[in-house]
């Protein structure tokens, strides 16, 4: 369950709401932001002026956009992750071996957070990127993580984020999800059969060290290339093998 701040600072919350709104709109004007967030134009302008002075936003004409300084923070945070440092070469190797998109994800605040994507020679363009956050129940790597979290933690995540549908194939029933997670634990891998994006299938496997799930990996491909044995046998074997290498390297780092 999320802990509430004892003495929340509303000014800070307004700043972060502005940043989120700018990101969602890929740039926005003062009036647009004021209307969307029900804030005064002068308040919005003051926040943006401060953020611009500190190099967190840039102004292009009458629009404000997020600045590249956020890359400094994102790069720093990612490089501090031992999981990322150890797994990076293995994810690149998996992408090269399969020719598809290989991903590394961990869990934070009940969401799956992408640490790395590596594109193989045939990989399709996706809407994900380093730092991309997504509900755990709609992806193969997310379900692999959920399957290896304590049940109490899984229920906390579901209480906080729910089971919203991304496609008609998304699992939205709690009992069905828990049955699905039990099957994942039994077989050692997870499948996303067009559950996050129509036309896309993914195969995932958890990274578990000393009984704790550190994250998960996956390979994504169009349904036309992820069929039959490739989806249910060949790709799961490759993904599980890579996850096992990462687990061993984490154990002995």
Protein backbone atom coordinates (compact mmCIF):
# COMPACT_ATOMS: atom_id res chain seq x y z
CA UNK A 1 0.00 0.00 0.00
CA UNK A 2 1.33 3.45 -0.87
CA UNK A 3 2.36 5.52 2.14
CA UNK A 4 0.90 9.01 2.35
CA UNK A 5 3.20 11.91 3.16
CA UNK A 6 2.51 13.28 6.65
CA UNK A 7 3.09 16.84 5.51
CA UNK A 8 2.73 16.94 1.71
CA UNK A 9 4.16 20.00 -0.03
CA UNK A 10 1.52 21.17 -2.48
CA UNK A 11 3.95 23.37 -4.39
CA UNK A 12 6.07 20.32 -5.21
CA UNK A 13 3.00 18.40 -6.31
CA UNK A 14 2.00 21.23 -8.64
CA UNK A 15 5.44 21.20 -10.20
CA UNK A 16 5.32 17.47 -10.88
CA UNK A 17 1.77 17.70 -12.21
CA UNK A 18 2.99 20.33 -14.66
CA UNK A 19 5.89 18.16 -15.77
CA UNK A 20 3.59 15.16 -16.28
CA UNK A 21 1.15 17.29 -18.28
CA UNK A 22 3.95 18.60 -20.51
CA UNK A 23 5.18 15.06 -21.12
CA UNK A 24 1.70 13.73 -21.92
CA UNK A 25 1.16 16.51 -24.46
CA UNK A 26 4.67 16.46 -25.88
CA UNK A 27 4.85 20.17 -25.15
CA UNK A 28 2.20 22.68 -24.11
CA UNK A 29 1.40 26.39 -23.74
CA UNK A 30 0.77 28.15 -20.43
CA UNK A 31 -2.95 28.59 -21.10
CA UNK A 32 -3.36 24.94 -22.08
CA UNK A 33 -1.65 23.77 -18.90
CA UNK A 34 -3.59 26.16 -16.69
CA UNK A 35 -6.89 24.89 -18.11
CA UNK A 36 -5.94 21.22 -17.93
CA UNK A 37 -4.70 21.42 -14.34
CA UNK A 38 -7.18 24.01 -13.06
CA UNK A 39 -4.37 26.33 -12.05
CA UNK A 40 -3.98 30.07 -12.51
CA UNK A 41 -1.98 31.18 -15.53
CA UNK A 42 0.35 33.25 -13.35
CA UNK A 43 1.01 30.23 -11.12
CA UNK A 44 1.78 28.05 -14.12
CA UNK A 45 4.03 30.71 -15.59
CA UNK A 46 5.96 31.09 -12.32
CA UNK A 47 6.52 27.33 -12.05
CA UNK A 48 7.64 27.10 -15.68
CA UNK A 49 9.94 30.09 -15.37
CA UNK A 50 11.66 28.49 -12.39
CA UNK A 51 11.96 25.13 -14.16
CA UNK A 52 13.36 26.84 -17.23
CA UNK A 53 15.91 28.78 -15.19
CA UNK A 54 17.05 25.51 -13.59
CA UNK A 55 17.19 23.87 -17.07
CA UNK A 56 14.45 21.30 -16.56
CA UNK A 57 12.23 22.71 -19.29
CA UNK A 58 12.90 24.61 -22.49
CA UNK A 59 10.68 27.07 -24.32
CA UNK A 60 10.16 26.77 -28.05
CA UNK A 61 8.11 29.72 -29.24
CA UNK A 62 5.07 29.72 -26.97
CA UNK A 63 5.37 26.04 -25.96
CA UNK A 64 7.27 24.47 -23.08
CA UNK A 65 8.95 21.08 -23.38
CA UNK A 66 10.90 18.86 -21.01
CA UNK A 67 14.62 19.55 -21.10
CA UNK A 68 17.50 17.17 -21.66
CA UNK A 69 18.63 17.61 -18.08
CA UNK A 70 16.20 14.85 -17.16
CA UNK A 71 18.50 12.46 -19.06
CA UNK A 72 21.20 13.19 -16.49
CA UNK A 73 18.93 11.98 -13.71
CA UNK A 74 17.59 9.01 -15.69
CA UNK A 75 21.03 7.86 -16.77
CA UNK A 76 22.34 8.17 -13.23
CA UNK A 77 19.47 6.17 -11.75
CA UNK A 78 19.69 3.41 -14.36
CA UNK A 79 23.46 3.02 -14.08
CA UNK A 80 23.15 2.57 -10.33
CA UNK A 81 21.02 -0.53 -10.93
CA UNK A 82 23.17 -3.64 -10.61
CA UNK A 83 20.50 -5.56 -12.51
CA UNK A 84 20.95 -3.26 -15.52
CA UNK A 85 24.76 -3.39 -15.45
CA UNK A 86 24.81 -7.18 -15.28
CA UNK A 87 21.96 -7.86 -17.71
CA UNK A 88 22.75 -5.32 -20.45
CA UNK A 89 25.10 -7.50 -22.55
CA UNK A 90 22.77 -10.50 -22.23
CA UNK A 91 19.77 -8.49 -23.44
CA UNK A 92 21.79 -7.29 -26.44
CA UNK A 93 22.80 -10.88 -27.17
CA UNK A 94 19.19 -12.09 -26.91
CA UNK A 95 18.02 -9.43 -29.37
CA UNK A 96 20.76 -10.38 -31.82
CA UNK A 97 19.99 -14.07 -31.45
CA UNK A 98 16.23 -13.73 -31.97
CA UNK A 99 16.22 -10.76 -34.35
CA UNK A 100 13.41 -9.25 -32.25
CA UNK A 101 12.95 -6.70 -29.46
CA UNK A 102 14.43 -7.82 -26.14
CA UNK A 103 13.61 -5.97 -22.93
CA UNK A 104 14.70 -5.78 -19.31
CA UNK A 105 12.17 -4.62 -16.71
CA UNK A 106 12.02 -4.23 -12.95
CA UNK A 107 9.22 -3.32 -10.56
CA UNK A 108 8.89 -0.05 -8.69
CA UNK A 109 5.78 1.44 -7.05
CA UNK A 110 3.77 -1.49 -8.41
CA UNK A 111 4.55 -0.81 -12.06
CA UNK A 112 6.95 -2.39 -14.53
CA UNK A 113 9.79 0.02 -15.34
CA UNK A 114 11.82 -0.54 -18.50
CA UNK A 115 15.57 -0.49 -17.87
CA UNK A 116 16.67 -1.52 -21.35
CA UNK A 117 15.40 -2.30 -24.85
CA UNK A 118 17.60 -3.88 -27.49
CA UNK A 119 16.48 -4.14 -31.12
CA UNK A 120 17.29 -7.16 -33.24
CA UNK A 121 17.55 -7.03 -37.02
CA UNK A 122 13.79 -7.57 -37.52
CA UNK A 123 12.47 -5.79 -34.44
CA UNK A 124 9.36 -3.68 -34.87
CA UNK A 125 9.11 -0.16 -33.50
CA UNK A 126 7.24 -0.07 -30.18
CA UNK A 127 5.97 2.70 -27.94
CA UNK A 128 8.36 1.79 -25.11
CA UNK A 129 11.68 3.30 -24.05
CA UNK A 130 14.04 3.29 -21.07
CA UNK A 131 12.02 4.52 -18.11
CA UNK A 132 8.67 3.55 -19.67
CA UNK A 133 6.23 2.45 -16.96
CA UNK A 134 3.43 -0.02 -17.56
CA UNK A 135 0.94 -2.04 -15.47
CA UNK A 136 2.45 -5.41 -14.64
CA UNK A 137 -0.61 -7.51 -15.52
CA UNK A 138 -0.61 -6.61 -19.24
CA UNK A 139 2.91 -7.76 -20.22
CA UNK A 140 4.85 -11.01 -20.22
CA UNK A 141 7.71 -9.61 -18.16
CA UNK A 142 5.25 -7.93 -15.78
CA UNK A 143 3.34 -11.15 -15.16
CA UNK A 144 6.63 -12.99 -14.64
CA UNK A 145 7.43 -10.51 -11.88
CA UNK A 146 3.97 -10.72 -10.31
CA UNK A 147 4.16 -14.53 -10.28
CA UNK A 148 7.23 -14.39 -8.04
CA UNK A 149 6.17 -11.66 -5.62
CA UNK A 150 4.54 -12.54 -2.28
CA UNK A 151 0.77 -12.78 -2.65
CA UNK A 152 0.28 -9.93 -0.17
CA UNK A 153 2.43 -7.64 -2.34
CA UNK A 154 0.52 -8.68 -5.48
CA UNK A 155 -2.77 -7.78 -3.83
CA UNK A 156 -1.36 -4.40 -2.76
CA UNK A 157 -0.38 -3.72 -6.36
CA UNK A 158 -3.81 -4.73 -7.65
CA UNK A 159 -5.52 -2.55 -5.04
CA UNK A 160 -3.42 0.42 -6.13
CA UNK A 161 -3.39 -0.01 -9.91
CA UNK A 162 -6.34 -2.27 -10.69
CA UNK A 163 -6.68 -4.55 -13.71
CA UNK A 164 -7.55 -2.16 -16.50
CA UNK A 165 -7.79 -3.60 -20.01
CA UNK A 166 -5.36 -2.51 -22.72
CA UNK A 167 -6.86 -4.85 -25.34
CA UNK A 168 -9.75 -7.37 -25.41
CA UNK A 169 -7.21 -10.05 -24.42
CA UNK A 170 -6.03 -8.39 -21.20
CA UNK A 171 -6.71 -10.38 -18.03
CA UNK A 172 -9.08 -8.22 -15.96
CA UNK A 173 -10.44 -10.77 -13.48
CA UNK A 174 -8.45 -11.15 -10.26
CA UNK A 175 -9.15 -14.86 -9.79
CA UNK A 176 -8.17 -15.57 -13.39
CA UNK A 177 -4.96 -13.61 -12.92
CA UNK A 178 -3.94 -15.57 -9.83
CA UNK A 179 -4.57 -18.85 -11.70
CA UNK A 180 -2.43 -17.49 -14.52
CA UNK A 181 0.38 -16.55 -12.13
CA UNK A 182 0.36 -20.05 -10.66
CA UNK A 183 0.80 -21.51 -14.15
CA UNK A 184 3.72 -19.13 -14.79
CA UNK A 185 5.48 -20.31 -11.63
CA UNK A 186 4.97 -23.91 -12.71
CA UNK A 187 6.27 -23.54 -16.28
CA UNK A 188 8.99 -20.98 -15.59
CA UNK A 189 7.98 -18.45 -18.24
CA UNK A 190 5.08 -16.16 -19.14
CA UNK A 191 3.24 -15.27 -22.33
CA UNK A 192 1.59 -12.06 -23.48
CA UNK A 193 -0.81 -13.02 -26.25
CA UNK A 194 -1.84 -9.58 -27.54
CA UNK A 195 -2.69 -8.47 -24.00
CA UNK A 196 -0.90 -5.11 -24.09
CA UNK A 197 -1.00 -4.42 -27.82
CA UNK A 198 -3.07 -6.03 -30.54
CA UNK A 199 -0.83 -7.81 -33.03
CA UNK A 200 2.05 -8.27 -30.59
CA UNK A 201 3.12 -11.34 -28.67
CA UNK A 202 5.78 -11.51 -25.96
CA UNK A 203 7.56 -14.22 -23.99
CA UNK A 204 8.97 -13.37 -20.57
CA UNK A 205 10.96 -14.97 -17.77
CA UNK A 206 11.71 -13.80 -14.22
CA UNK A 207 15.13 -13.05 -12.79
CA UNK A 208 15.14 -14.52 -9.29
CA UNK A 209 18.13 -14.37 -6.95
CA UNK A 210 18.05 -15.94 -3.48
CA UNK A 211 14.28 -16.19 -3.64
CA UNK A 212 13.74 -12.53 -4.57
CA UNK A 213 12.52 -11.48 -8.00
CA UNK A 214 14.83 -8.73 -9.21
CA UNK A 215 13.09 -8.17 -12.53
CA UNK A 216 12.27 -9.97 -15.75
CA UNK A 217 13.20 -10.12 -19.42
CA UNK A 218 11.12 -10.59 -22.53
CA UNK A 219 11.19 -10.88 -26.30
CA UNK A 220 8.44 -9.21 -28.34
CA UNK A 221 7.45 -9.85 -31.94
CA UNK A 222 4.45 -9.51 -34.28
CA UNK A 223 1.99 -12.39 -34.04
CA UNK A 224 2.89 -13.36 -37.61
CA UNK A 225 6.46 -14.18 -36.52
CA UNK A 226 5.60 -15.51 -33.06
CA UNK A 227 3.54 -18.56 -33.95
CA UNK A 228 3.13 -22.17 -32.87
CA UNK A 229 6.32 -23.75 -31.49
CA UNK A 230 8.28 -20.51 -31.70
CA UNK A 231 5.83 -18.92 -29.27
CA UNK A 232 5.36 -21.86 -26.91
CA UNK A 233 8.71 -23.71 -27.05
CA UNK A 234 11.61 -22.12 -28.92
CA UNK A 235 11.32 -18.58 -27.57
CA UNK A 236 10.55 -19.63 -23.97
CA UNK A 237 13.70 -21.78 -23.96
CA UNK A 238 15.84 -18.88 -25.19
CA UNK A 239 14.35 -16.39 -22.75
CA UNK A 240 14.63 -18.73 -19.76
CA UNK A 241 18.23 -19.55 -20.68
CA UNK A 242 19.14 -15.86 -20.82
CA UNK A 243 17.38 -15.17 -17.52
CA UNK A 244 19.34 -18.00 -15.93
CA UNK A 245 22.65 -16.52 -17.12
CA UNK A 246 21.70 -13.16 -15.64
CA UNK A 247 20.73 -14.82 -12.35
CA UNK A 248 24.08 -16.58 -12.13
CA UNK A 249 26.00 -13.42 -12.95
CA UNK A 250 24.05 -11.46 -10.32
CA UNK A 251 24.72 -14.16 -7.75
CA UNK A 252 28.47 -14.09 -8.32
CA UNK A 253 28.96 -10.36 -8.88
